[in-house]
Amino acid sequence: MNNCPLESERKIMLFLVAALLLMGILLGTAAHLPVPVTLVAAAVIAGWLLVFFLRERRHHDEVTSR
């Protein structure tokens, strides 16, 4: 039997490694920032995600109503 992972498994593993690396870098940066700065950045990101969600939902509703 061949123990080499399939190509799709390699892509998934590469994605997971990249995601963990990026998360480590971002969390490491947040650990060195003051708590108020981290909370403000988290609030800005949450607001941005909320606006994106609402715009996508509205766009999806417009497309399905046609």
N, C-alpha and C. Protein backbone atom coordinates (compact mmCIF):
# COMPACT_ATOMS: atom_id res chain seq x y z
N MET A 1 0.83 -1.19 0.00
CA MET A 1 0.00 0.00 0.00
C MET A 1 0.87 1.25 0.00
N ASN A 2 0.36 2.25 -0.63
CA ASN A 2 1.08 3.52 -0.72
C ASN A 2 0.61 4.44 0.39
N ASN A 3 1.53 4.95 1.20
CA ASN A 3 1.18 5.81 2.33
C ASN A 3 1.16 7.29 1.97
N CYS A 4 1.41 7.65 0.72
CA CYS A 4 1.40 9.06 0.31
C CYS A 4 -0.04 9.59 0.34
N PRO A 5 -0.23 10.76 0.92
CA PRO A 5 -1.59 11.33 0.92
C PRO A 5 -2.01 11.75 -0.48
N LEU A 6 -3.29 11.76 -0.70
CA LEU A 6 -3.82 12.21 -1.98
C LEU A 6 -3.58 13.70 -2.15
N GLU A 7 -3.70 14.17 -3.38
CA GLU A 7 -3.47 15.59 -3.66
C GLU A 7 -4.42 16.49 -2.88
N SER A 8 -5.69 16.10 -2.78
CA SER A 8 -6.66 16.92 -2.03
C SER A 8 -6.31 16.97 -0.55
N GLU A 9 -5.81 15.86 -0.01
CA GLU A 9 -5.41 15.84 1.39
C GLU A 9 -4.20 16.75 1.62
N ARG A 10 -3.31 16.80 0.65
CA ARG A 10 -2.16 17.69 0.77
C ARG A 10 -2.60 19.15 0.78
N LYS A 11 -3.58 19.48 -0.08
CA LYS A 11 -4.08 20.86 -0.13
C LYS A 11 -4.75 21.23 1.19
N ILE A 12 -5.53 20.31 1.73
CA ILE A 12 -6.20 20.57 3.01
C ILE A 12 -5.17 20.77 4.11
N MET A 13 -4.15 19.92 4.13
CA MET A 13 -3.12 20.03 5.16
C MET A 13 -2.36 21.35 5.02
N LEU A 14 -2.05 21.74 3.79
CA LEU A 14 -1.36 23.01 3.56
C LEU A 14 -2.22 24.18 4.02
N PHE A 15 -3.52 24.11 3.73
CA PHE A 15 -4.44 25.16 4.18
C PHE A 15 -4.46 25.23 5.71
N LEU A 16 -4.54 24.09 6.37
CA LEU A 16 -4.57 24.08 7.84
C LEU A 16 -3.28 24.65 8.43
N VAL A 17 -2.15 24.28 7.86
CA VAL A 17 -0.88 24.80 8.35
C VAL A 17 -0.82 26.32 8.16
N ALA A 18 -1.24 26.79 6.98
CA ALA A 18 -1.22 28.23 6.72
C ALA A 18 -2.19 28.96 7.66
N ALA A 19 -3.37 28.39 7.89
CA ALA A 19 -4.34 29.02 8.79
C ALA A 19 -3.80 29.09 10.22
N LEU A 20 -3.19 28.01 10.68
CA LEU A 20 -2.63 28.01 12.03
C LEU A 20 -1.48 29.01 12.15
N LEU A 21 -0.65 29.10 11.11
CA LEU A 21 0.44 30.06 11.13
C LEU A 21 -0.09 31.48 11.19
N LEU A 22 -1.07 31.79 10.36
CA LEU A 22 -1.65 33.12 10.35
C LEU A 22 -2.33 33.44 11.68
N MET A 23 -3.06 32.47 12.23
CA MET A 23 -3.72 32.67 13.51
C MET A 23 -2.68 32.92 14.61
N GLY A 24 -1.58 32.17 14.58
CA GLY A 24 -0.53 32.37 15.57
C GLY A 24 0.10 33.74 15.49
N ILE A 25 0.30 34.21 14.26
CA ILE A 25 0.88 35.54 14.09
C ILE A 25 -0.09 36.61 14.60
N LEU A 26 -1.37 36.47 14.24
CA LEU A 26 -2.35 37.47 14.67
C LEU A 26 -2.57 37.44 16.17
N LEU A 27 -2.66 36.25 16.75
CA LEU A 27 -2.86 36.17 18.19
C LEU A 27 -1.61 36.63 18.93
N GLY A 28 -0.46 36.36 18.37
CA GLY A 28 0.77 36.83 18.99
C GLY A 28 0.84 38.35 19.00
N THR A 29 0.38 38.96 17.91
CA THR A 29 0.34 40.41 17.84
C THR A 29 -0.65 40.97 18.85
N ALA A 30 -1.82 40.36 18.94
CA ALA A 30 -2.83 40.84 19.88
C ALA A 30 -2.36 40.69 21.32
N ALA A 31 -1.55 39.71 21.59
CA ALA A 31 -1.06 39.52 22.95
C ALA A 31 -0.13 40.64 23.39
N HIS A 32 0.49 41.33 22.43
CA HIS A 32 1.41 42.41 22.76
C HIS A 32 0.77 43.78 22.72
N LEU A 33 -0.48 43.84 22.33
CA LEU A 33 -1.20 45.12 22.30
C LEU A 33 -1.92 45.33 23.62
N PRO A 34 -2.15 46.57 23.98
CA PRO A 34 -2.97 46.82 25.17
C PRO A 34 -4.40 46.32 24.96
N VAL A 35 -5.05 45.95 26.02
CA VAL A 35 -6.40 45.38 25.93
C VAL A 35 -7.38 46.34 25.26
N PRO A 36 -7.40 47.64 25.57
CA PRO A 36 -8.36 48.52 24.88
C PRO A 36 -8.15 48.55 23.36
N VAL A 37 -6.90 48.53 22.91
CA VAL A 37 -6.63 48.54 21.47
C VAL A 37 -7.14 47.26 20.84
N THR A 38 -6.92 46.13 21.50
CA THR A 38 -7.40 44.84 21.00
C THR A 38 -8.92 44.83 20.92
N LEU A 39 -9.59 45.37 21.93
CA LEU A 39 -11.06 45.38 21.93
C LEU A 39 -11.61 46.30 20.84
N VAL A 40 -10.97 47.44 20.62
CA VAL A 40 -11.40 48.34 19.55
C VAL A 40 -11.21 47.66 18.19
N ALA A 41 -10.08 47.01 17.99
CA ALA A 41 -9.84 46.31 16.73
C ALA A 41 -10.87 45.19 16.53
N ALA A 42 -11.19 44.46 17.59
CA ALA A 42 -12.19 43.39 17.50
C ALA A 42 -13.56 43.97 17.15
N ALA A 43 -13.91 45.11 17.73
CA ALA A 43 -15.20 45.74 17.44
C ALA A 43 -15.26 46.22 15.99
N VAL A 44 -14.16 46.77 15.48
CA VAL A 44 -14.12 47.22 14.09
C VAL A 44 -14.29 46.04 13.14
N ILE A 45 -13.60 44.95 13.41
CA ILE A 45 -13.70 43.76 12.57
C ILE A 45 -15.11 43.18 12.64
N ALA A 46 -15.70 43.12 13.83
CA ALA A 46 -17.06 42.61 13.97
C ALA A 46 -18.05 43.48 13.21
N GLY A 47 -17.89 44.79 13.27
CA GLY A 47 -18.76 45.69 12.52
C GLY A 47 -18.62 45.50 11.02
N TRP A 48 -17.39 45.34 10.57
CA TRP A 48 -17.13 45.10 9.15
C TRP A 48 -17.80 43.81 8.69
N LEU A 49 -17.67 42.75 9.49
CA LEU A 49 -18.31 41.48 9.15
C LEU A 49 -19.83 41.60 9.15
N LEU A 50 -20.39 42.36 10.07
CA LEU A 50 -21.84 42.54 10.12
C LEU A 50 -22.33 43.28 8.87
N VAL A 51 -21.63 44.33 8.47
CA VAL A 51 -22.00 45.06 7.25
C VAL A 51 -21.90 44.15 6.04
N PHE A 52 -20.84 43.37 5.95
CA PHE A 52 -20.68 42.44 4.83
C PHE A 52 -21.82 41.43 4.81
N PHE A 53 -22.17 40.88 5.97
CA PHE A 53 -23.25 39.91 6.05
C PHE A 53 -24.58 40.52 5.59
N LEU A 54 -24.88 41.72 6.05
CA LEU A 54 -26.14 42.36 5.68
C LEU A 54 -26.20 42.68 4.19
N ARG A 55 -25.09 43.15 3.63
CA ARG A 55 -25.07 43.45 2.19
C ARG A 55 -25.22 42.18 1.36
N GLU A 56 -24.55 41.10 1.77
CA GLU A 56 -24.68 39.84 1.03
C GLU A 56 -26.08 39.27 1.15
N ARG A 57 -26.67 39.41 2.33
CA ARG A 57 -28.03 38.90 2.52
C ARG A 57 -29.02 39.67 1.67
N ARG A 58 -28.86 41.00 1.62
CA ARG A 58 -29.75 41.82 0.81
C ARG A 58 -29.58 41.49 -0.67
N HIS A 59 -28.34 41.31 -1.10
CA HIS A 59 -28.07 40.95 -2.49
C HIS A 59 -28.68 39.58 -2.82
N HIS A 60 -28.55 38.65 -1.90
CA HIS A 60 -29.10 37.31 -2.12
C HIS A 60 -30.63 37.36 -2.20
N ASP A 61 -31.25 38.18 -1.36
CA ASP A 61 -32.72 38.33 -1.39
C ASP A 61 -33.18 38.96 -2.69
N GLU A 62 -32.41 39.93 -3.21
CA GLU A 62 -32.79 40.58 -4.48
C GLU A 62 -32.69 39.60 -5.65
N VAL A 63 -31.67 38.76 -5.63
CA VAL A 63 -31.47 37.81 -6.73
C VAL A 63 -32.54 36.73 -6.71
N THR A 64 -32.90 36.24 -5.54
CA THR A 64 -33.90 35.16 -5.45
C THR A 64 -35.31 35.65 -5.69
N SER A 65 -35.57 36.96 -5.51
CA SER A 65 -36.92 37.47 -5.71
C SER A 65 -37.26 37.71 -7.18
N ARG A 66 -36.27 37.64 -8.04
CA ARG A 66 -36.50 37.88 -9.47
C ARG A 66 -37.10 36.68 -10.14
